[in-house]
Amino acid sequence: MKVPRDLSGAALAKALSKAGYQVTRQTGSHLRLTTQFPAQHHVTIPAHDPLKVGTLSGILGDVAAHLKITRDELMQRLFG
């Protein structure tokens, strides 16, 4: 599955809520999301529209590594 090209930071935050992440704070134009499953993990995403492909790819890779699944499995769960 290809990385979406037109995804905003707010839309990514909403999609990551399906994986157990919640927005814990916003500082300027950045959102910080936190999950407690399976352990505590934080990810910071810019609230830009659209996100750059490399930034989005890095965030998805970080979340997938934390959940111990592949990036394709994560994208299928979030966007599929």
PDB file of N, CA and C in Angstrom:
ATOM      1  N   MET A   1       0.848  -1.175   0.000  1.00  0.00           N
ATOM      2  CA  MET A   1       0.000   0.000   0.000  1.00  0.00           C
ATOM      3  C   MET A   1       0.897   1.243   0.000  1.00  0.00           C
ATOM      4  N   LYS A   2       0.546   2.225  -0.832  1.00  0.00           N
ATOM      5  CA  LYS A   2       1.346   3.432  -0.927  1.00  0.00           C
ATOM      6  C   LYS A   2       0.966   4.429   0.164  1.00  0.00           C
ATOM      7  N   VAL A   3       1.939   5.246   0.538  1.00  0.00           N
ATOM      8  CA  VAL A   3       1.715   6.281   1.547  1.00  0.00           C
ATOM      9  C   VAL A   3       0.811   7.353   0.948  1.00  0.00           C
ATOM     10  N   PRO A   4      -0.261   7.770   1.644  1.00  0.00           N
ATOM     11  CA  PRO A   4      -1.141   8.819   1.119  1.00  0.00           C
ATOM     12  C   PRO A   4      -0.368  10.117   0.885  1.00  0.00           C
ATOM     13  N   ARG A   5      -0.702  10.819  -0.184  1.00  0.00           N
ATOM     14  CA  ARG A   5       0.004  12.038  -0.567  1.00  0.00           C
ATOM     15  C   ARG A   5      -0.675  13.310  -0.062  1.00  0.00           C
ATOM     16  N   ASP A   6      -1.923  13.227   0.361  1.00  0.00           N
ATOM     17  CA  ASP A   6      -2.675  14.429   0.702  1.00  0.00           C
ATOM     18  C   ASP A   6      -3.238  14.392   2.129  1.00  0.00           C
ATOM     19  N   LEU A   7      -2.514  13.788   3.044  1.00  0.00           N
ATOM     20  CA  LEU A   7      -2.988  13.617   4.413  1.00  0.00           C
ATOM     21  C   LEU A   7      -2.511  14.769   5.281  1.00  0.00           C
ATOM     22  N   SER A   8      -3.422  15.351   6.064  1.00  0.00           N
ATOM     23  CA  SER A   8      -3.047  16.436   6.977  1.00  0.00           C
ATOM     24  C   SER A   8      -2.636  15.845   8.326  1.00  0.00           C
ATOM     25  N   GLY A   9      -2.004  16.665   9.141  1.00  0.00           N
ATOM     26  CA  GLY A   9      -1.607  16.226  10.475  1.00  0.00           C
ATOM     27  C   GLY A   9      -2.805  15.869  11.332  1.00  0.00           C
ATOM     28  N   ALA A  10      -3.878  16.663  11.231  1.00  0.00           N
ATOM     29  CA  ALA A  10      -5.091  16.387  12.012  1.00  0.00           C
ATOM     30  C   ALA A  10      -5.738  15.070  11.574  1.00  0.00           C
ATOM     31  N   ALA A  11      -5.740  14.803  10.270  1.00  0.00           N
ATOM     32  CA  ALA A  11      -6.302  13.549   9.770  1.00  0.00           C
ATOM     33  C   ALA A  11      -5.464  12.353  10.222  1.00  0.00           C
ATOM     34  N   LEU A  12      -4.150  12.515  10.273  1.00  0.00           N
ATOM     35  CA  LEU A  12      -3.282  11.442  10.756  1.00  0.00           C
ATOM     36  C   LEU A  12      -3.536  11.190  12.239  1.00  0.00           C
ATOM     37  N   ALA A  13      -3.708  12.248  13.023  1.00  0.00           N
ATOM     38  CA  ALA A  13      -3.994  12.087  14.453  1.00  0.00           C
ATOM     39  C   ALA A  13      -5.305  11.325  14.644  1.00  0.00           C
ATOM     40  N   LYS A  14      -6.302  11.644  13.836  1.00  0.00           N
ATOM     41  CA  LYS A  14      -7.585  10.940  13.925  1.00  0.00           C
ATOM     42  C   LYS A  14      -7.430   9.474  13.540  1.00  0.00           C
ATOM     43  N   ALA A  15      -6.647   9.200  12.486  1.00  0.00           N
ATOM     44  CA  ALA A  15      -6.423   7.824  12.057  1.00  0.00           C
ATOM     45  C   ALA A  15      -5.649   7.029  13.110  1.00  0.00           C
ATOM     46  N   LEU A  16      -4.679   7.673  13.762  1.00  0.00           N
ATOM     47  CA  LEU A  16      -3.889   6.972  14.779  1.00  0.00           C
ATOM     48  C   LEU A  16      -4.705   6.658  16.030  1.00  0.00           C
ATOM     49  N   SER A  17      -5.848   7.312  16.200  1.00  0.00           N
ATOM     50  CA  SER A  17      -6.709   6.971  17.338  1.00  0.00           C
ATOM     51  C   SER A  17      -7.220   5.538  17.196  1.00  0.00           C
ATOM     52  N   LYS A  18      -7.304   5.028  15.963  1.00  0.00           N
ATOM     53  CA  LYS A  18      -7.700   3.626  15.738  1.00  0.00           C
ATOM     54  C   LYS A  18      -6.649   2.659  16.286  1.00  0.00           C
ATOM     55  N   ALA A  19      -5.410   3.132  16.406  1.00  0.00           N
ATOM     56  CA  ALA A  19      -4.325   2.299  16.923  1.00  0.00           C
ATOM     57  C   ALA A  19      -4.074   2.563  18.402  1.00  0.00           C
ATOM     58  N   GLY A  20      -4.955   3.337  19.049  1.00  0.00           N
ATOM     59  CA  GLY A  20      -4.842   3.556  20.484  1.00  0.00           C
ATOM     60  C   GLY A  20      -4.125   4.832  20.896  1.00  0.00           C
ATOM     61  N   TYR A  21      -3.809   5.705  19.962  1.00  0.00           N
ATOM     62  CA  TYR A  21      -3.123   6.966  20.272  1.00  0.00           C
ATOM     63  C   TYR A  21      -4.138   8.058  20.562  1.00  0.00           C
ATOM     64  N   GLN A  22      -3.800   8.939  21.509  1.00  0.00           N
ATOM     65  CA  GLN A  22      -4.643  10.079  21.845  1.00  0.00           C
ATOM     66  C   GLN A  22      -3.778  11.325  21.862  1.00  0.00           C
ATOM     67  N   VAL A  23      -4.362  12.452  21.427  1.00  0.00           N
ATOM     68  CA  VAL A  23      -3.642  13.717  21.482  1.00  0.00           C
ATOM     69  C   VAL A  23      -3.526  14.122  22.947  1.00  0.00           C
ATOM     70  N   THR A  24      -2.289  14.315  23.417  1.00  0.00           N
ATOM     71  CA  THR A  24      -2.076  14.691  24.812  1.00  0.00           C
ATOM     72  C   THR A  24      -1.757  16.164  24.965  1.00  0.00           C
ATOM     73  N   ARG A  25      -1.241  16.783  23.902  1.00  0.00           N
ATOM     74  CA  ARG A  25      -0.990  18.215  23.953  1.00  0.00           C
ATOM     75  C   ARG A  25      -0.682  18.742  22.561  1.00  0.00           C
ATOM     76  N   GLN A  26      -0.797  20.065  22.442  1.00  0.00           N
ATOM     77  CA  GLN A  26      -0.431  20.734  21.201  1.00  0.00           C
ATOM     78  C   GLN A  26       0.419  21.936  21.557  1.00  0.00           C
ATOM     79  N   THR A  27       1.572  22.026  20.924  1.00  0.00           N
ATOM     80  CA  THR A  27       2.474  23.151  21.124  1.00  0.00           C
ATOM     81  C   THR A  27       2.718  23.772  19.760  1.00  0.00           C
ATOM     82  N   GLY A  28       2.187  24.968  19.565  1.00  0.00           N
ATOM     83  CA  GLY A  28       2.322  25.614  18.268  1.00  0.00           C
ATOM     84  C   GLY A  28       1.648  24.787  17.200  1.00  0.00           C
ATOM     85  N   SER A  29       2.394  24.415  16.169  1.00  0.00           N
ATOM     86  CA  SER A  29       1.810  23.646  15.072  1.00  0.00           C
ATOM     87  C   SER A  29       2.164  22.161  15.146  1.00  0.00           C
ATOM     88  N   HIS A  30       2.449  21.663  16.342  1.00  0.00           N
ATOM     89  CA  HIS A  30       2.778  20.248  16.494  1.00  0.00           C
ATOM     90  C   HIS A  30       1.853  19.596  17.510  1.00  0.00           C
ATOM     91  N   LEU A  31       1.405  18.390  17.182  1.00  0.00           N
ATOM     92  CA  LEU A  31       0.559  17.602  18.063  1.00  0.00           C
ATOM     93  C   LEU A  31       1.397  16.483  18.670  1.00  0.00           C
ATOM     94  N   ARG A  32       1.179  16.212  19.939  1.00  0.00           N
ATOM     95  CA  ARG A  32       1.863  15.083  20.574  1.00  0.00           C
ATOM     96  C   ARG A  32       0.819  14.040  20.921  1.00  0.00           C
ATOM     97  N   LEU A  33       1.025  12.841  20.402  1.00  0.00           N
ATOM     98  CA  LEU A  33       0.116  11.740  20.654  1.00  0.00           C
ATOM     99  C   LEU A  33       0.809  10.710  21.533  1.00  0.00           C
ATOM    100  N   THR A  34       0.019  10.090  22.398  1.00  0.00           N
ATOM    101  CA  THR A  34       0.558   9.110  23.339  1.00  0.00           C
ATOM    102  C   THR A  34      -0.343   7.880  23.350  1.00  0.00           C
ATOM    103  N   THR A  35       0.278   6.724  23.512  1.00  0.00           N
ATOM    104  CA  THR A  35      -0.457   5.485  23.727  1.00  0.00           C
ATOM    105  C   THR A  35       0.144   4.776  24.935  1.00  0.00           C
ATOM    106  N   GLN A  36      -0.659   3.954  25.573  1.00  0.00           N
ATOM    107  CA  GLN A  36      -0.197   3.145  26.694  1.00  0.00           C
ATOM    108  C   GLN A  36      -0.096   1.673  26.310  1.00  0.00           C
ATOM    109  N   PHE A  37      -0.440   1.345  25.055  1.00  0.00           N
ATOM    110  CA  PHE A  37      -0.473  -0.039  24.608  1.00  0.00           C
ATOM    111  C   PHE A  37       0.620  -0.293  23.595  1.00  0.00           C
ATOM    112  N   PRO A  38       1.392  -1.299  23.641  1.00  0.00           N
ATOM    113  CA  PRO A  38       1.586  -2.224  24.760  1.00  0.00           C
ATOM    114  C   PRO A  38       2.438  -1.614  25.867  1.00  0.00           C
ATOM    115  N   ALA A  39       3.105  -0.508  25.566  1.00  0.00           N
ATOM    116  CA  ALA A  39       3.835   0.265  26.571  1.00  0.00           C
ATOM    117  C   ALA A  39       3.670   1.726  26.172  1.00  0.00           C
ATOM    118  N   GLN A  40       4.111   2.619  27.048  1.00  0.00           N
ATOM    119  CA  GLN A  40       3.959   4.038  26.743  1.00  0.00           C
ATOM    120  C   GLN A  40       4.832   4.431  25.550  1.00  0.00           C
ATOM    121  N   HIS A  41       4.252   5.177  24.634  1.00  0.00           N
ATOM    122  CA  HIS A  41       4.971   5.627  23.447  1.00  0.00           C
ATOM    123  C   HIS A  41       4.422   6.979  23.029  1.00  0.00           C
ATOM    124  N   HIS A  42       5.307   7.895  22.675  1.00  0.00           N
ATOM    125  CA  HIS A  42       4.929   9.229  22.229  1.00  0.00           C
ATOM    126  C   HIS A  42       5.362   9.409  20.785  1.00  0.00           C
ATOM    127  N   VAL A  43       4.555  10.136  20.038  1.00  0.00           N
ATOM    128  CA  VAL A  43       4.907  10.503  18.674  1.00  0.00           C
ATOM    129  C   VAL A  43       4.445  11.943  18.455  1.00  0.00           C
ATOM    130  N   THR A  44       5.294  12.741  17.840  1.00  0.00           N
ATOM    131  CA  THR A  44       4.972  14.133  17.555  1.00  0.00           C
ATOM    132  C   THR A  44       4.750  14.282  16.066  1.00  0.00           C
ATOM    133  N   ILE A  45       3.614  14.887  15.717  1.00  0.00           N
ATOM    134  CA  ILE A  45       3.316  15.099  14.303  1.00  0.00           C
ATOM    135  C   ILE A  45       3.017  16.574  14.060  1.00  0.00           C
ATOM    136  N   PRO A  46       3.506  17.110  12.960  1.00  0.00           N
ATOM    137  CA  PRO A  46       3.200  18.501  12.625  1.00  0.00           C
ATOM    138  C   PRO A  46       1.750  18.619  12.148  1.00  0.00           C
ATOM    139  N   ALA A  47       1.089  19.698  12.534  1.00  0.00           N
ATOM    140  CA  ALA A  47      -0.299  19.924  12.121  1.00  0.00           C
ATOM    141  C   ALA A  47      -0.318  20.668  10.794  1.00  0.00           C
ATOM    142  N   HIS A  48       0.392  20.146   9.808  1.00  0.00           N
ATOM    143  CA  HIS A  48       0.480  20.764   8.497  1.00  0.00           C
ATOM    144  C   HIS A  48      -0.524  20.112   7.555  1.00  0.00           C
ATOM    145  N   ASP A  49      -0.850  20.813   6.477  1.00  0.00           N
ATOM    146  CA  ASP A  49      -1.763  20.266   5.492  1.00  0.00           C
ATOM    147  C   ASP A  49      -1.223  20.575   4.108  1.00  0.00           C
ATOM    148  N   PRO A  50      -0.740  19.612   3.375  1.00  0.00           N
ATOM    149  CA  PRO A  50      -0.551  18.202   3.711  1.00  0.00           C
ATOM    150  C   PRO A  50       0.807  17.960   4.366  1.00  0.00           C
ATOM    151  N   LEU A  51       0.937  16.775   4.974  1.00  0.00           N
ATOM    152  CA  LEU A  51       2.224  16.370   5.526  1.00  0.00           C
ATOM    153  C   LEU A  51       3.156  15.986   4.383  1.00  0.00           C
ATOM    154  N   LYS A  52       4.433  16.231   4.549  1.00  0.00           N
ATOM    155  CA  LYS A  52       5.412  15.782   3.559  1.00  0.00           C
ATOM    156  C   LYS A  52       5.488  14.259   3.609  1.00  0.00           C
ATOM    157  N   VAL A  53       5.718  13.658   2.472  1.00  0.00           N
ATOM    158  CA  VAL A  53       5.717  12.197   2.361  1.00  0.00           C
ATOM    159  C   VAL A  53       6.777  11.569   3.263  1.00  0.00           C
ATOM    160  N   GLY A  54       7.965  12.154   3.321  1.00  0.00           N
ATOM    161  CA  GLY A  54       9.027  11.605   4.164  1.00  0.00           C
ATOM    162  C   GLY A  54       8.690  11.690   5.641  1.00  0.00           C
ATOM    163  N   THR A  55       8.056  12.787   6.051  1.00  0.00           N
ATOM    164  CA  THR A  55       7.633  12.951   7.448  1.00  0.00           C
ATOM    165  C   THR A  55       6.585  11.909   7.798  1.00  0.00           C
ATOM    166  N   LEU A  56       5.592  11.761   6.946  1.00  0.00           N
ATOM    167  CA  LEU A  56       4.530  10.781   7.174  1.00  0.00           C
ATOM    168  C   LEU A  56       5.087   9.363   7.219  1.00  0.00           C
ATOM    169  N   SER A  57       5.991   9.056   6.311  1.00  0.00           N
ATOM    170  CA  SER A  57       6.601   7.726   6.268  1.00  0.00           C
ATOM    171  C   SER A  57       7.378   7.438   7.553  1.00  0.00           C
ATOM    172  N   GLY A  58       8.101   8.433   8.054  1.00  0.00           N
ATOM    173  CA  GLY A  58       8.855   8.261   9.293  1.00  0.00           C
ATOM    174  C   GLY A  58       7.950   8.025  10.490  1.00  0.00           C
ATOM    175  N   ILE A  59       6.849   8.775  10.563  1.00  0.00           N
ATOM    176  CA  ILE A  59       5.898   8.614  11.671  1.00  0.00           C
ATOM    177  C   ILE A  59       5.272   7.224  11.626  1.00  0.00           C
ATOM    178  N   LEU A  60       4.834   6.806  10.441  1.00  0.00           N
ATOM    179  CA  LEU A  60       4.215   5.481  10.308  1.00  0.00           C
ATOM    180  C   LEU A  60       5.204   4.370  10.638  1.00  0.00           C
ATOM    181  N   GLY A  61       6.457   4.528  10.241  1.00  0.00           N
ATOM    182  CA  GLY A  61       7.479   3.538  10.568  1.00  0.00           C
ATOM    183  C   GLY A  61       7.726   3.445  12.062  1.00  0.00           C
ATOM    184  N   ASP A  62       7.741   4.593  12.738  1.00  0.00           N
ATOM    185  CA  ASP A  62       7.953   4.627  14.183  1.00  0.00           C
ATOM    186  C   ASP A  62       6.802   3.950  14.920  1.00  0.00           C
ATOM    187  N   VAL A  63       5.573   4.256  14.519  1.00  0.00           N
ATOM    188  CA  VAL A  63       4.397   3.657  15.157  1.00  0.00           C
ATOM    189  C   VAL A  63       4.354   2.153  14.885  1.00  0.00           C
ATOM    190  N   ALA A  64       4.642   1.747  13.654  1.00  0.00           N
ATOM    191  CA  ALA A  64       4.638   0.321  13.311  1.00  0.00           C
ATOM    192  C   ALA A  64       5.684  -0.440  14.123  1.00  0.00           C
ATOM    193  N   ALA A  65       6.851   0.144  14.298  1.00  0.00           N
ATOM    194  CA  ALA A  65       7.902  -0.509  15.091  1.00  0.00           C
ATOM    195  C   ALA A  65       7.456  -0.668  16.546  1.00  0.00           C
ATOM    196  N   HIS A  66       6.791   0.346  17.077  1.00  0.00           N
ATOM    197  CA  HIS A  66       6.318   0.255  18.458  1.00  0.00           C
ATOM    198  C   HIS A  66       5.256  -0.838  18.610  1.00  0.00           C
ATOM    199  N   LEU A  67       4.363  -0.948  17.632  1.00  0.00           N
ATOM    200  CA  LEU A  67       3.303  -1.957  17.692  1.00  0.00           C
ATOM    201  C   LEU A  67       3.772  -3.336  17.247  1.00  0.00           C
ATOM    202  N   LYS A  68       5.034  -3.421  16.773  1.00  0.00           N
ATOM    203  CA  LYS A  68       5.633  -4.675  16.307  1.00  0.00           C
ATOM    204  C   LYS A  68       4.850  -5.291  15.153  1.00  0.00           C
ATOM    205  N   ILE A  69       4.465  -4.421  14.198  1.00  0.00           N
ATOM    206  CA  ILE A  69       3.832  -4.866  12.967  1.00  0.00           C
ATOM    207  C   ILE A  69       4.556  -4.182  11.812  1.00  0.00           C
ATOM    208  N   THR A  70       4.285  -4.614  10.598  1.00  0.00           N
ATOM    209  CA  THR A  70       4.914  -3.972   9.446  1.00  0.00           C
ATOM    210  C   THR A  70       4.191  -2.661   9.141  1.00  0.00           C
ATOM    211  N   ARG A  71       4.866  -1.811   8.395  1.00  0.00           N
ATOM    212  CA  ARG A  71       4.265  -0.526   8.030  1.00  0.00           C
ATOM    213  C   ARG A  71       3.033  -0.746   7.144  1.00  0.00           C
ATOM    214  N   ASP A  72       3.080  -1.752   6.279  1.00  0.00           N
ATOM    215  CA  ASP A  72       1.927  -2.052   5.428  1.00  0.00           C
ATOM    216  C   ASP A  72       0.720  -2.499   6.252  1.00  0.00           C
ATOM    217  N   GLU A  73       0.965  -3.317   7.280  1.00  0.00           N
ATOM    218  CA  GLU A  73      -0.135  -3.733   8.161  1.00  0.00           C
ATOM    219  C   GLU A  73      -0.738  -2.530   8.876  1.00  0.00           C
ATOM    220  N   LEU A  74       0.107  -1.615   9.328  1.00  0.00           N
ATOM    221  CA  LEU A  74      -0.388  -0.414  10.001  1.00  0.00           C
ATOM    222  C   LEU A  74      -1.215   0.434   9.042  1.00  0.00           C
ATOM    223  N   MET A  75      -0.720   0.646   7.824  1.00  0.00           N
ATOM    224  CA  MET A  75      -1.453   1.466   6.865  1.00  0.00           C
ATOM    225  C   MET A  75      -2.787   0.812   6.495  1.00  0.00           C
ATOM    226  N   GLN A  76      -2.819  -0.504   6.415  1.00  0.00           N
ATOM    227  CA  GLN A  76      -4.068  -1.209   6.141  1.00  0.00           C
ATOM    228  C   GLN A  76      -5.049  -1.002   7.292  1.00  0.00           C
ATOM    229  N   ARG A  77      -4.560  -1.041   8.524  1.00  0.00           N
ATOM    230  CA  ARG A  77      -5.404  -0.843   9.704  1.00  0.00           C
ATOM    231  C   ARG A  77      -5.945   0.585   9.770  1.00  0.00           C
ATOM    232  N   LEU A  78      -5.116   1.552   9.410  1.00  0.00           N
ATOM    233  CA  LEU A  78      -5.507   2.960   9.530  1.00  0.00           C
ATOM    234  C   LEU A  78      -6.330   3.451   8.340  1.00  0.00           C
ATOM    235  N   PHE A  79      -5.920   3.080   7.123  1.00  0.00           N
ATOM    236  CA  PHE A  79      -6.511   3.664   5.923  1.00  0.00           C
ATOM    237  C   PHE A  79      -7.280   2.667   5.058  1.00  0.00           C
ATOM    238  N   GLY A  80      -7.175   1.373   5.382  1.00  0.00           N
ATOM    239  CA  GLY A  80      -7.757   0.357   4.528  1.00  0.00           C
ATOM    240  C   GLY A  80      -9.165   0.102   4.734  1.00  0.00           C
TER     241      GLY A  80
END
